[in-house]
Amino acid sequence: MNIHPDSAAELWHQIMRTTNNAHEQLLMHASLIDALPPRAIYALHPDQFADVAAIYRMKHALFTRLQHNQAIKRLYFNGMRAPNQDT
């Protein structure tokens, strides 16, 4: 799926609004942008998380919130239905 940069920025903004604190923001960035698994996130940031299990729990809670966020659903599904356009 090709997504317009403005739409991508808005999607990321909505994802960050779903987080409750800096730890969750760090987790979202490490998970979605850096594509790191929880063990790698903990290895890089042991001072930010209690243990790997805490990262799994936090990630599960965050992704559940993302799945229920109506603004994110609209952005995603509108992007899926939009025709591919090169800009």
N, C-alpha and C. Protein backbone atom coordinates (compact mmCIF):
# COMPACT_ATOMS: atom_id res chain seq x y z
N MET A 1 0.84 -1.17 0.00
CA MET A 1 0.00 0.00 0.00
C MET A 1 0.89 1.24 0.00
N ASN A 2 0.67 2.13 -0.93
CA ASN A 2 1.33 3.42 -0.93
C ASN A 2 0.49 4.38 -0.10
N ILE A 3 1.14 5.11 0.76
CA ILE A 3 0.43 6.06 1.60
C ILE A 3 1.06 7.43 1.43
N HIS A 4 0.25 8.43 1.31
CA HIS A 4 0.71 9.81 1.15
C HIS A 4 1.45 10.23 2.43
N PRO A 5 2.54 10.98 2.30
CA PRO A 5 3.29 11.40 3.49
C PRO A 5 2.44 12.12 4.53
N ASP A 6 1.48 12.93 4.10
CA ASP A 6 0.60 13.62 5.05
C ASP A 6 -0.25 12.63 5.82
N SER A 7 -0.74 11.61 5.13
CA SER A 7 -1.54 10.57 5.79
C SER A 7 -0.68 9.77 6.76
N ALA A 8 0.54 9.47 6.36
CA ALA A 8 1.45 8.73 7.24
C ALA A 8 1.74 9.53 8.49
N ALA A 9 1.96 10.82 8.34
CA ALA A 9 2.22 11.68 9.49
C ALA A 9 1.02 11.73 10.42
N GLU A 10 -0.17 11.83 9.86
CA GLU A 10 -1.38 11.85 10.67
C GLU A 10 -1.58 10.52 11.38
N LEU A 11 -1.31 9.42 10.69
CA LEU A 11 -1.43 8.10 11.30
C LEU A 11 -0.47 7.99 12.48
N TRP A 12 0.78 8.40 12.29
CA TRP A 12 1.75 8.33 13.37
C TRP A 12 1.33 9.23 14.54
N HIS A 13 0.80 10.41 14.23
CA HIS A 13 0.31 11.32 15.26
C HIS A 13 -0.79 10.64 16.09
N GLN A 14 -1.71 9.97 15.42
CA GLN A 14 -2.79 9.28 16.13
C GLN A 14 -2.25 8.12 16.96
N ILE A 15 -1.28 7.41 16.44
CA ILE A 15 -0.67 6.32 17.21
C ILE A 15 -0.04 6.88 18.48
N MET A 16 0.70 7.98 18.36
CA MET A 16 1.34 8.57 19.53
C MET A 16 0.31 9.11 20.53
N ARG A 17 -0.80 9.60 20.05
CA ARG A 17 -1.87 10.08 20.94
C ARG A 17 -2.49 8.94 21.74
N THR A 18 -2.37 7.72 21.23
CA THR A 18 -2.91 6.56 21.92
C THR A 18 -2.05 6.16 23.11
N THR A 19 -0.80 6.58 23.10
CA THR A 19 0.10 6.24 24.20
C THR A 19 -0.21 7.10 25.42
N ASN A 20 0.14 6.58 26.60
CA ASN A 20 -0.13 7.28 27.85
C ASN A 20 1.09 7.94 28.48
N ASN A 21 2.30 7.54 28.01
CA ASN A 21 3.50 8.09 28.64
C ASN A 21 4.71 7.86 27.73
N ALA A 22 5.85 8.34 28.20
CA ALA A 22 7.08 8.25 27.41
C ALA A 22 7.53 6.80 27.20
N HIS A 23 7.28 5.93 28.18
CA HIS A 23 7.65 4.52 28.03
C HIS A 23 6.86 3.89 26.88
N GLU A 24 5.58 4.19 26.82
CA GLU A 24 4.76 3.64 25.73
C GLU A 24 5.18 4.23 24.39
N GLN A 25 5.55 5.49 24.36
CA GLN A 25 6.02 6.10 23.11
C GLN A 25 7.32 5.44 22.65
N LEU A 26 8.22 5.20 23.57
CA LEU A 26 9.46 4.51 23.25
C LEU A 26 9.16 3.12 22.70
N LEU A 27 8.25 2.42 23.33
CA LEU A 27 7.88 1.08 22.88
C LEU A 27 7.27 1.10 21.49
N MET A 28 6.40 2.06 21.22
CA MET A 28 5.78 2.15 19.89
C MET A 28 6.83 2.41 18.82
N HIS A 29 7.74 3.33 19.09
CA HIS A 29 8.78 3.64 18.12
C HIS A 29 9.67 2.42 17.88
N ALA A 30 10.09 1.79 18.96
CA ALA A 30 10.97 0.63 18.83
C ALA A 30 10.27 -0.53 18.12
N SER A 31 8.98 -0.69 18.37
CA SER A 31 8.23 -1.79 17.76
C SER A 31 7.86 -1.52 16.31
N LEU A 32 7.34 -0.32 16.04
CA LEU A 32 6.80 -0.03 14.71
C LEU A 32 7.81 0.57 13.74
N ILE A 33 8.69 1.39 14.22
CA ILE A 33 9.66 2.04 13.33
C ILE A 33 10.93 1.20 13.23
N ASP A 34 11.46 0.78 14.38
CA ASP A 34 12.69 0.00 14.37
C ASP A 34 12.45 -1.50 14.19
N ALA A 35 11.20 -1.93 14.31
CA ALA A 35 10.79 -3.34 14.14
C ALA A 35 11.57 -4.28 15.07
N LEU A 36 11.73 -3.84 16.31
CA LEU A 36 12.46 -4.64 17.28
C LEU A 36 11.51 -5.52 18.09
N PRO A 37 11.90 -6.74 18.38
CA PRO A 37 11.11 -7.58 19.26
C PRO A 37 11.33 -7.15 20.72
N PRO A 38 10.45 -7.56 21.62
CA PRO A 38 10.57 -7.15 23.02
C PRO A 38 11.93 -7.43 23.64
N ARG A 39 12.55 -8.56 23.36
CA ARG A 39 13.87 -8.85 23.95
C ARG A 39 14.92 -7.83 23.51
N ALA A 40 14.88 -7.44 22.25
CA ALA A 40 15.84 -6.45 21.75
C ALA A 40 15.56 -5.07 22.35
N ILE A 41 14.29 -4.74 22.52
CA ILE A 41 13.93 -3.46 23.15
C ILE A 41 14.47 -3.42 24.57
N TYR A 42 14.27 -4.51 25.30
CA TYR A 42 14.77 -4.57 26.68
C TYR A 42 16.30 -4.49 26.72
N ALA A 43 16.94 -5.15 25.78
CA ALA A 43 18.42 -5.11 25.74
C ALA A 43 18.93 -3.69 25.52
N LEU A 44 18.20 -2.91 24.72
CA LEU A 44 18.61 -1.53 24.44
C LEU A 44 18.20 -0.56 25.55
N HIS A 45 17.11 -0.87 26.25
CA HIS A 45 16.54 0.06 27.24
C HIS A 45 16.20 -0.63 28.56
N PRO A 46 17.16 -1.32 29.18
CA PRO A 46 16.83 -2.03 30.43
C PRO A 46 16.43 -1.10 31.57
N ASP A 47 16.84 0.16 31.48
CA ASP A 47 16.49 1.13 32.53
C ASP A 47 15.06 1.65 32.38
N GLN A 48 14.42 1.37 31.24
CA GLN A 48 13.08 1.89 30.97
C GLN A 48 11.96 0.89 31.27
N PHE A 49 12.30 -0.40 31.33
CA PHE A 49 11.29 -1.44 31.50
C PHE A 49 11.75 -2.42 32.57
N ALA A 50 10.80 -2.96 33.34
CA ALA A 50 11.13 -3.88 34.43
C ALA A 50 11.78 -5.16 33.92
N ASP A 51 11.21 -5.71 32.84
CA ASP A 51 11.74 -6.94 32.25
C ASP A 51 11.06 -7.15 30.90
N VAL A 52 11.43 -8.21 30.22
CA VAL A 52 10.87 -8.49 28.89
C VAL A 52 9.37 -8.74 28.99
N ALA A 53 8.94 -9.43 30.04
CA ALA A 53 7.51 -9.71 30.21
C ALA A 53 6.71 -8.41 30.32
N ALA A 54 7.26 -7.41 30.97
CA ALA A 54 6.58 -6.12 31.08
C ALA A 54 6.39 -5.48 29.70
N ILE A 55 7.38 -5.64 28.84
CA ILE A 55 7.28 -5.10 27.48
C ILE A 55 6.18 -5.83 26.72
N TYR A 56 6.12 -7.15 26.84
CA TYR A 56 5.05 -7.90 26.18
C TYR A 56 3.67 -7.43 26.65
N ARG A 57 3.51 -7.24 27.97
CA ARG A 57 2.22 -6.80 28.51
C ARG A 57 1.86 -5.41 28.00
N MET A 58 2.84 -4.50 28.04
CA MET A 58 2.60 -3.13 27.59
C MET A 58 2.27 -3.11 26.10
N LYS A 59 3.00 -3.89 25.33
CA LYS A 59 2.77 -3.93 23.89
C LYS A 59 1.37 -4.48 23.58
N HIS A 60 0.96 -5.52 24.29
CA HIS A 60 -0.37 -6.08 24.10
C HIS A 60 -1.44 -5.03 24.40
N ALA A 61 -1.30 -4.32 25.51
CA ALA A 61 -2.27 -3.29 25.89
C ALA A 61 -2.31 -2.17 24.85
N LEU A 62 -1.14 -1.75 24.38
CA LEU A 62 -1.09 -0.69 23.37
C LEU A 62 -1.74 -1.10 22.06
N PHE A 63 -1.43 -2.30 21.60
CA PHE A 63 -2.00 -2.74 20.34
C PHE A 63 -3.50 -2.95 20.44
N THR A 64 -3.98 -3.34 21.62
CA THR A 64 -5.42 -3.44 21.83
C THR A 64 -6.05 -2.06 21.72
N ARG A 65 -5.44 -1.06 22.34
CA ARG A 65 -5.94 0.32 22.22
C ARG A 65 -5.92 0.79 20.77
N LEU A 66 -4.85 0.48 20.05
CA LEU A 66 -4.76 0.88 18.65
C LEU A 66 -5.88 0.25 17.83
N GLN A 67 -6.18 -1.01 18.09
CA GLN A 67 -7.22 -1.71 17.34
C GLN A 67 -8.59 -1.09 17.56
N HIS A 68 -8.81 -0.45 18.71
CA HIS A 68 -10.10 0.12 19.03
C HIS A 68 -10.19 1.63 18.76
N ASN A 69 -9.11 2.22 18.29
CA ASN A 69 -9.07 3.66 18.04
C ASN A 69 -9.75 3.97 16.71
N GLN A 70 -10.85 4.69 16.78
CA GLN A 70 -11.64 4.98 15.58
C GLN A 70 -10.91 5.88 14.59
N ALA A 71 -10.14 6.84 15.07
CA ALA A 71 -9.39 7.73 14.17
C ALA A 71 -8.36 6.94 13.37
N ILE A 72 -7.70 6.00 14.01
CA ILE A 72 -6.71 5.17 13.32
C ILE A 72 -7.40 4.27 12.31
N LYS A 73 -8.54 3.70 12.67
CA LYS A 73 -9.29 2.86 11.73
C LYS A 73 -9.67 3.66 10.49
N ARG A 74 -10.15 4.88 10.68
CA ARG A 74 -10.54 5.72 9.53
C ARG A 74 -9.33 6.00 8.64
N LEU A 75 -8.22 6.40 9.24
CA LEU A 75 -7.02 6.69 8.45
C LEU A 75 -6.55 5.47 7.69
N TYR A 76 -6.54 4.33 8.34
CA TYR A 76 -6.07 3.11 7.71
C TYR A 76 -6.99 2.69 6.57
N PHE A 77 -8.28 2.61 6.85
CA PHE A 77 -9.19 2.13 5.82
C PHE A 77 -9.36 3.12 4.68
N ASN A 78 -9.30 4.41 4.96
CA ASN A 78 -9.33 5.40 3.87
C ASN A 78 -8.09 5.26 3.00
N GLY A 79 -6.95 5.00 3.61
CA GLY A 79 -5.71 4.79 2.86
C GLY A 79 -5.78 3.53 2.02
N MET A 80 -6.43 2.49 2.52
CA MET A 80 -6.55 1.22 1.79
C MET A 80 -7.45 1.38 0.56
N ARG A 81 -8.48 2.21 0.68
CA ARG A 81 -9.42 2.37 -0.43
C ARG A 81 -8.97 3.40 -1.45
N ALA A 82 -8.06 4.27 -1.05
CA ALA A 82 -7.60 5.31 -1.96
C ALA A 82 -6.79 4.69 -3.10
N PRO A 83 -7.00 5.18 -4.30
CA PRO A 83 -6.21 4.66 -5.43
C PRO A 83 -4.74 5.03 -5.27
N ASN A 84 -3.87 4.17 -5.74
CA ASN A 84 -2.43 4.47 -5.71
C ASN A 84 -2.14 5.63 -6.63
N GLN A 85 -1.49 6.64 -6.07
CA GLN A 85 -1.13 7.81 -6.86
C GLN A 85 0.32 8.14 -6.58
N ASP A 86 1.07 8.34 -7.63
CA ASP A 86 2.44 8.78 -7.47
C ASP A 86 2.44 10.29 -7.41
N THR A 87 3.12 10.84 -6.38
CA THR A 87 3.17 12.30 -6.26
C THR A 87 4.58 12.78 -6.33
